[in-house]
Amino acid sequence: MGIRYPYLSLLLVVPLAAAACVGSEIEEEPEELVGVAEGEMISANGMLSNALNRNALNRNGLTPRDLASRVLNPSQLSSTALAAIKDPGTNGSLSREMLRYTVSCALRPDQTFSFSWTDSSGIDHQEVYRGDLGYAHWWATRAIGNDTFVQHQITACLAARINWYGISVTISLRNQEFASTLEERAAYPVREGAFWGNVFAPTPYLGACYDSAGYVRAREVQRDCAAGHVEVDPVTGETTWQQCGPMVIWGSCHQLCNGVDSTAGYFKGCVTNYSVSPYVRTDQVVTTFLTAGP
């Protein structure tokens, strides 16, 4: 039985037509940060779900690089970025999804990104994206174009939240920037894998690896992006492992990463871009954990 690992490259940018409506400003809301414990990164379902479409980071609409050079504020976006998030077509839908998850990773729960767009039937839609994890809450006032550390952190956050099926699965995200509670570690003990990269770079890339002890559980809960989505050809019986959009799965984390935190269990660093060098590593890595199941 043959096994193939196809390499999925990034797509070229497709020009988009602009739609009407002017975006509003970032709002800072002095409300209590409900459900977000200090140092904890359990990302819930719903608007802050982990169901980012695997095609949302392909370069068909809004790209992270378009955002990085500007303040994360609707009034500060480039004309290209504004056109992308207001596009009523499929590319517009993916662009808005990518933006929503970027806001979720970068901003705090008391910060929002609001704008409106008009669909092909002439109906206006008001979008309000709320921050969640606060990786780079200062992006609301200054750009991150020259901050590669932050770019890597937000990329890892985005990559960890991609889901092949587009369904919501609650996961625990951990790295050296955020401590985890004993309760969190008990509720999410299964290490799925790790994610890293830089989608803001001139040549964007996403990397992932799987934990051999966790990939079976990952597939049970429909989390396929660390180990690959398995497909079997009904005619030939050939099995293929499909990667999630532009993400490259390099293999086992234990071969690619250089140490595990003794308390939280996250990988401390992994090979940055194996196609460039097998020796250069990054510590801007997010390790994901799942529930143990029934």
Protein backbone atom coordinates (compact mmCIF):
# COMPACT_ATOMS: atom_id res chain seq x y z
CA MET A 1 0.00 0.00 0.00
CA GLY A 2 1.61 3.28 -1.15
CA ILE A 3 1.98 6.28 1.15
CA ARG A 4 2.50 9.82 -0.12
CA TYR A 5 3.22 13.03 1.78
CA PRO A 6 2.31 15.87 -0.59
CA TYR A 7 3.92 19.26 -0.06
CA LEU A 8 1.37 22.06 -0.12
CA SER A 9 2.91 25.36 -1.21
CA LEU A 10 1.58 28.85 -0.56
CA LEU A 11 -0.67 30.26 -3.24
CA LEU A 12 -0.17 33.54 -5.07
CA VAL A 13 -2.00 36.68 -4.09
CA VAL A 14 -5.23 37.25 -6.02
CA PRO A 15 -6.29 40.90 -6.47
CA LEU A 16 -9.61 41.71 -4.76
CA ALA A 17 -12.27 44.31 -5.48
CA ALA A 18 -13.05 46.77 -2.71
CA ALA A 19 -16.48 47.07 -1.11
CA ALA A 20 -18.02 50.04 0.66
CA CYS A 21 -18.27 50.89 4.41
CA VAL A 22 -15.70 52.53 6.65
CA GLY A 23 -14.26 50.62 9.62
CA SER A 24 -14.50 51.93 13.15
CA GLU A 25 -11.70 52.29 15.70
CA ILE A 26 -10.23 49.77 18.11
CA GLU A 27 -12.22 49.90 21.30
CA GLU A 28 -10.64 49.59 24.73
CA GLU A 29 -13.24 48.33 27.17
CA PRO A 30 -12.52 48.55 30.93
CA GLU A 31 -14.46 45.43 31.76
CA GLU A 32 -13.43 42.48 33.89
CA LEU A 33 -11.52 39.83 31.99
CA VAL A 34 -14.09 37.08 32.42
CA GLY A 35 -12.86 33.49 32.06
CA VAL A 36 -9.21 34.33 31.35
CA ALA A 37 -6.98 33.44 34.28
CA GLU A 38 -3.58 35.12 34.46
CA GLY A 39 -0.97 32.94 32.78
CA GLU A 40 -3.56 30.50 31.44
CA MET A 41 -4.17 29.80 27.78
CA ILE A 42 -7.18 27.52 27.44
CA SER A 43 -8.87 28.79 24.28
CA ALA A 44 -12.59 28.04 24.21
CA ASN A 45 -15.02 27.34 21.38
CA GLY A 46 -17.36 29.78 19.64
CA MET A 47 -16.01 33.14 18.46
CA LEU A 48 -12.71 32.28 20.09
CA SER A 49 -12.66 28.74 18.80
CA ASN A 50 -9.85 26.61 17.45
CA ALA A 51 -11.43 25.97 14.08
CA LEU A 52 -9.38 28.23 11.81
CA ASN A 53 -9.89 27.13 8.20
CA ARG A 54 -6.77 25.50 6.77
CA ASN A 55 -7.01 27.77 3.71
CA ALA A 56 -7.29 31.03 5.67
CA LEU A 57 -3.50 31.50 5.70
CA ASN A 58 -3.09 30.85 1.98
CA ARG A 59 -2.32 34.03 0.10
CA ASN A 60 -5.66 34.44 -1.67
CA GLY A 61 -6.90 37.48 0.24
CA LEU A 62 -5.72 39.32 3.32
CA THR A 63 -2.19 38.29 4.26
CA PRO A 64 -0.56 38.65 7.69
CA ARG A 65 2.22 40.68 6.06
CA ASP A 66 -0.40 43.23 4.97
CA LEU A 67 -1.31 43.63 8.65
CA ALA A 68 2.14 43.62 10.24
CA SER A 69 3.32 46.94 8.82
CA ARG A 70 0.28 48.78 10.18
CA VAL A 71 -1.38 49.35 13.54
CA LEU A 72 -4.06 46.70 14.14
CA ASN A 73 -6.85 49.23 13.77
CA PRO A 74 -9.47 49.41 10.98
CA SER A 75 -8.70 53.05 10.25
CA GLN A 76 -4.99 52.26 9.79
CA LEU A 77 -5.27 49.33 7.37
CA SER A 78 -3.85 49.56 3.88
CA SER A 79 -6.31 49.86 0.99
CA THR A 80 -5.39 46.30 -0.02
CA ALA A 81 -6.13 44.90 3.44
CA LEU A 82 -9.36 46.87 3.74
CA ALA A 83 -10.51 45.62 0.36
CA ALA A 84 -9.73 42.02 1.37
CA ILE A 85 -11.81 42.04 4.57
CA LYS A 86 -14.71 43.78 2.81
CA ASP A 87 -14.76 41.42 -0.17
CA PRO A 88 -18.21 39.71 -0.31
CA GLY A 89 -16.82 36.56 -1.92
CA THR A 90 -15.06 33.45 -0.65
CA ASN A 91 -11.70 35.20 -0.34
CA GLY A 92 -13.36 37.83 1.81
CA SER A 93 -14.78 35.18 4.11
CA LEU A 94 -11.32 33.62 4.56
CA SER A 95 -9.74 37.05 5.04
CA ARG A 96 -12.19 37.92 7.81
CA GLU A 97 -11.60 34.57 9.48
CA MET A 98 -7.84 35.07 9.41
CA LEU A 99 -8.25 38.57 10.84
CA ARG A 100 -10.59 37.34 13.59
CA TYR A 101 -8.08 34.75 14.76
CA THR A 102 -5.21 37.23 14.51
CA VAL A 103 -7.12 39.64 16.75
CA SER A 104 -7.90 36.77 19.12
CA CYS A 105 -4.22 35.81 19.43
CA ALA A 106 -2.83 39.35 19.58
CA LEU A 107 -5.26 41.46 21.62
CA ARG A 108 -6.69 41.26 25.14
CA PRO A 109 -10.35 40.48 25.91
CA ASP A 110 -10.96 44.19 26.65
CA GLN A 111 -9.91 45.15 23.10
CA THR A 112 -12.02 44.83 19.97
CA PHE A 113 -11.57 45.35 16.23
CA SER A 114 -14.79 46.57 14.53
CA PHE A 115 -15.70 47.19 10.90
CA SER A 116 -18.54 46.59 8.45
CA TRP A 117 -18.84 45.15 4.96
CA THR A 118 -21.58 44.73 2.36
CA ASP A 119 -22.50 41.38 0.80
CA SER A 120 -23.49 40.74 -2.82
CA SER A 121 -27.17 41.31 -1.94
CA GLY A 122 -26.45 44.77 -0.57
CA ILE A 123 -26.87 43.74 3.07
CA ASP A 124 -24.52 45.36 5.56
CA HIS A 125 -22.73 43.22 8.15
CA GLN A 126 -21.16 44.60 11.33
CA GLU A 127 -18.14 42.67 12.56
CA VAL A 128 -16.76 42.97 16.09
CA TYR A 129 -13.70 40.81 16.79
CA ARG A 130 -12.64 40.57 20.41
CA GLY A 131 -9.14 39.81 21.64
CA ASP A 132 -8.46 36.73 23.72
CA LEU A 133 -4.87 35.73 24.44
CA GLY A 134 -3.14 39.13 24.40
CA TYR A 135 0.13 38.01 22.79
CA ALA A 136 0.70 41.52 21.37
CA HIS A 137 -1.97 43.83 22.78
CA TRP A 138 0.23 46.84 21.94
CA TRP A 139 -0.36 46.12 18.24
CA ALA A 140 -3.48 48.26 18.69
CA THR A 141 -1.19 51.30 18.92
CA ARG A 142 2.03 50.34 17.13
CA ALA A 143 2.91 48.04 14.25
CA ILE A 144 4.81 44.76 14.59
CA GLY A 145 6.49 44.91 11.20
CA ASN A 146 9.99 44.88 12.70
CA ASP A 147 9.24 42.68 15.72
CA THR A 148 10.07 39.17 14.56
CA PHE A 149 9.68 37.75 18.09
CA VAL A 150 6.02 38.81 18.17
CA GLN A 151 5.51 37.69 14.59
CA HIS A 152 6.70 34.19 15.50
CA GLN A 153 4.51 34.10 18.62
CA ILE A 154 1.34 35.10 16.79
CA THR A 155 2.13 32.72 13.93
CA ALA A 156 2.48 29.82 16.37
CA CYS A 157 -0.84 30.78 17.95
CA LEU A 158 -2.58 30.88 14.56
CA ALA A 159 -1.05 27.61 13.38
CA ALA A 160 -2.06 25.81 16.57
CA ARG A 161 -5.69 26.79 16.00
CA ILE A 162 -6.06 25.53 12.43
CA ASN A 163 -8.51 22.66 12.05
CA TRP A 164 -8.72 20.51 8.90
CA TYR A 165 -12.48 20.03 9.32
CA GLY A 166 -13.24 23.59 10.42
CA ILE A 167 -14.79 22.34 13.66
CA SER A 168 -14.32 23.63 17.20
CA VAL A 169 -12.11 21.62 19.52
CA THR A 170 -11.10 23.02 22.89
CA ILE A 171 -7.34 22.80 23.40
CA SER A 172 -4.71 24.02 25.84
CA LEU A 173 -1.97 26.20 24.32
CA ARG A 174 1.33 26.40 26.22
CA ASN A 175 4.79 27.88 25.84
CA GLN A 176 7.41 29.76 27.83
CA GLU A 177 5.45 33.02 27.77
CA PHE A 178 2.44 31.67 29.63
CA ALA A 179 2.35 29.47 32.70
CA SER A 180 -0.39 26.88 33.06
CA THR A 181 -2.36 25.97 36.17
CA LEU A 182 -2.41 22.55 37.78
CA GLU A 183 -6.12 22.32 36.92
CA GLU A 184 -5.44 23.08 33.26
CA ARG A 185 -2.72 20.48 32.99
CA ALA A 186 -4.95 17.88 34.64
CA ALA A 187 -7.84 18.64 32.26
CA TYR A 188 -5.63 18.63 29.12
CA PRO A 189 -2.93 15.98 29.65
CA VAL A 190 -2.47 14.67 26.08
CA ARG A 191 0.28 16.45 24.15
CA GLU A 192 -0.77 16.70 20.52
CA GLY A 193 2.23 18.41 18.97
CA ALA A 194 3.85 21.78 18.36
CA PHE A 195 3.46 24.65 15.89
CA TRP A 196 5.71 27.52 14.79
CA GLY A 197 6.74 29.69 11.84
CA ASN A 198 6.41 33.23 10.56
CA VAL A 199 3.53 34.07 8.23
CA PHE A 200 4.55 37.76 8.39
CA ALA A 201 7.93 37.14 6.74
CA PRO A 202 8.66 37.99 3.06
CA THR A 203 8.70 34.23 2.49
CA PRO A 204 6.08 32.94 4.93
CA TYR A 205 6.27 29.48 6.41
CA LEU A 206 4.44 27.30 8.93
CA GLY A 207 5.88 24.27 10.67
CA ALA A 208 4.36 21.53 12.79
CA CYS A 209 5.34 18.29 14.45
CA TYR A 210 3.41 15.57 16.24
CA ASP A 211 3.82 13.74 19.52
CA SER A 212 3.75 10.01 18.89
CA ALA A 213 1.86 9.51 22.17
CA GLY A 214 -0.90 11.93 21.20
CA TYR A 215 -1.70 11.66 17.52
CA VAL A 216 -4.27 8.88 17.98
CA ARG A 217 -6.24 11.01 20.44
CA ALA A 218 -5.83 14.00 18.12
CA ARG A 219 -7.51 12.15 15.28
CA GLU A 220 -10.27 10.96 17.62
CA VAL A 221 -11.23 14.58 18.30
CA GLN A 222 -10.62 15.61 14.66
CA ARG A 223 -7.39 17.50 15.18
CA ASP A 224 -5.31 16.44 12.17
CA CYS A 225 -2.86 19.27 11.53
CA ALA A 226 0.05 18.11 13.71
CA ALA A 227 0.21 14.56 12.34
CA GLY A 228 -1.56 15.03 8.98
CA HIS A 229 -4.99 14.25 7.62
CA VAL A 230 -5.27 10.62 6.52
CA GLU A 231 -7.09 9.81 3.30
CA VAL A 232 -7.49 6.41 1.61
CA ASP A 233 -8.20 6.18 -2.11
CA PRO A 234 -11.32 3.96 -2.41
CA VAL A 235 -10.11 2.54 -5.73
CA THR A 236 -6.37 1.98 -5.25
CA GLY A 237 -6.28 1.70 -1.46
CA GLU A 238 -3.39 4.15 -1.43
CA THR A 239 -3.05 6.08 1.83
CA THR A 240 -1.97 9.73 1.82
CA TRP A 241 -1.22 12.15 4.65
CA GLN A 242 -2.47 15.61 3.70
CA GLN A 243 -1.00 18.72 5.31
CA CYS A 244 -3.20 21.61 6.49
CA GLY A 245 -2.95 24.30 3.83
CA PRO A 246 0.53 25.87 3.78
CA MET A 247 1.63 24.11 6.98
CA VAL A 248 4.56 21.73 6.62
CA ILE A 249 4.59 18.72 8.97
CA TRP A 250 8.24 17.90 9.61
CA GLY A 251 7.77 14.73 11.65
CA SER A 252 8.05 13.74 15.30
CA CYS A 253 8.51 16.55 17.81
CA HIS A 254 10.96 14.41 19.75
CA GLN A 255 13.28 14.47 16.73
CA LEU A 256 12.79 18.15 15.88
CA CYS A 257 12.50 19.82 19.29
CA ASN A 258 15.15 20.23 21.96
CA GLY A 259 13.67 19.78 25.37
CA VAL A 260 10.41 19.60 27.29
CA ASP A 261 9.40 21.85 30.16
CA SER A 262 9.35 19.67 33.26
CA THR A 263 6.21 21.29 34.70
CA ALA A 264 3.94 22.28 31.81
CA GLY A 265 5.13 19.72 29.27
CA TYR A 266 5.61 22.09 26.34
CA PHE A 267 8.47 21.81 23.87
CA LYS A 268 11.06 24.53 24.54
CA GLY A 269 12.23 24.93 20.95
CA CYS A 270 12.06 23.30 17.52
CA VAL A 271 13.87 23.47 14.19
CA THR A 272 12.85 26.77 12.63
CA ASN A 273 12.69 25.82 8.96
CA TYR A 274 14.10 22.41 8.15
CA SER A 275 14.25 23.11 4.41
CA VAL A 276 16.70 25.96 5.12
CA SER A 277 18.72 24.44 7.97
CA PRO A 278 18.29 21.45 10.29
CA TYR A 279 20.30 23.23 13.00
CA VAL A 280 18.66 26.64 13.47
CA ARG A 281 15.97 26.50 16.15
CA THR A 282 13.24 28.80 17.47
CA ASP A 283 11.80 28.97 20.96
CA GLN A 284 8.68 30.79 19.73
CA VAL A 285 6.73 27.55 19.65
CA VAL A 286 3.21 26.74 20.85
CA THR A 287 2.59 23.21 22.10
CA THR A 288 -1.03 21.98 22.11
CA PHE A 289 -2.67 19.65 24.60
CA LEU A 290 -5.96 17.76 24.42
CA THR A 291 -8.34 16.12 26.86
CA ALA A 292 -7.77 12.44 27.59
CA GLY A 293 -11.27 11.52 26.52
CA PRO A 294 -13.83 9.21 28.13
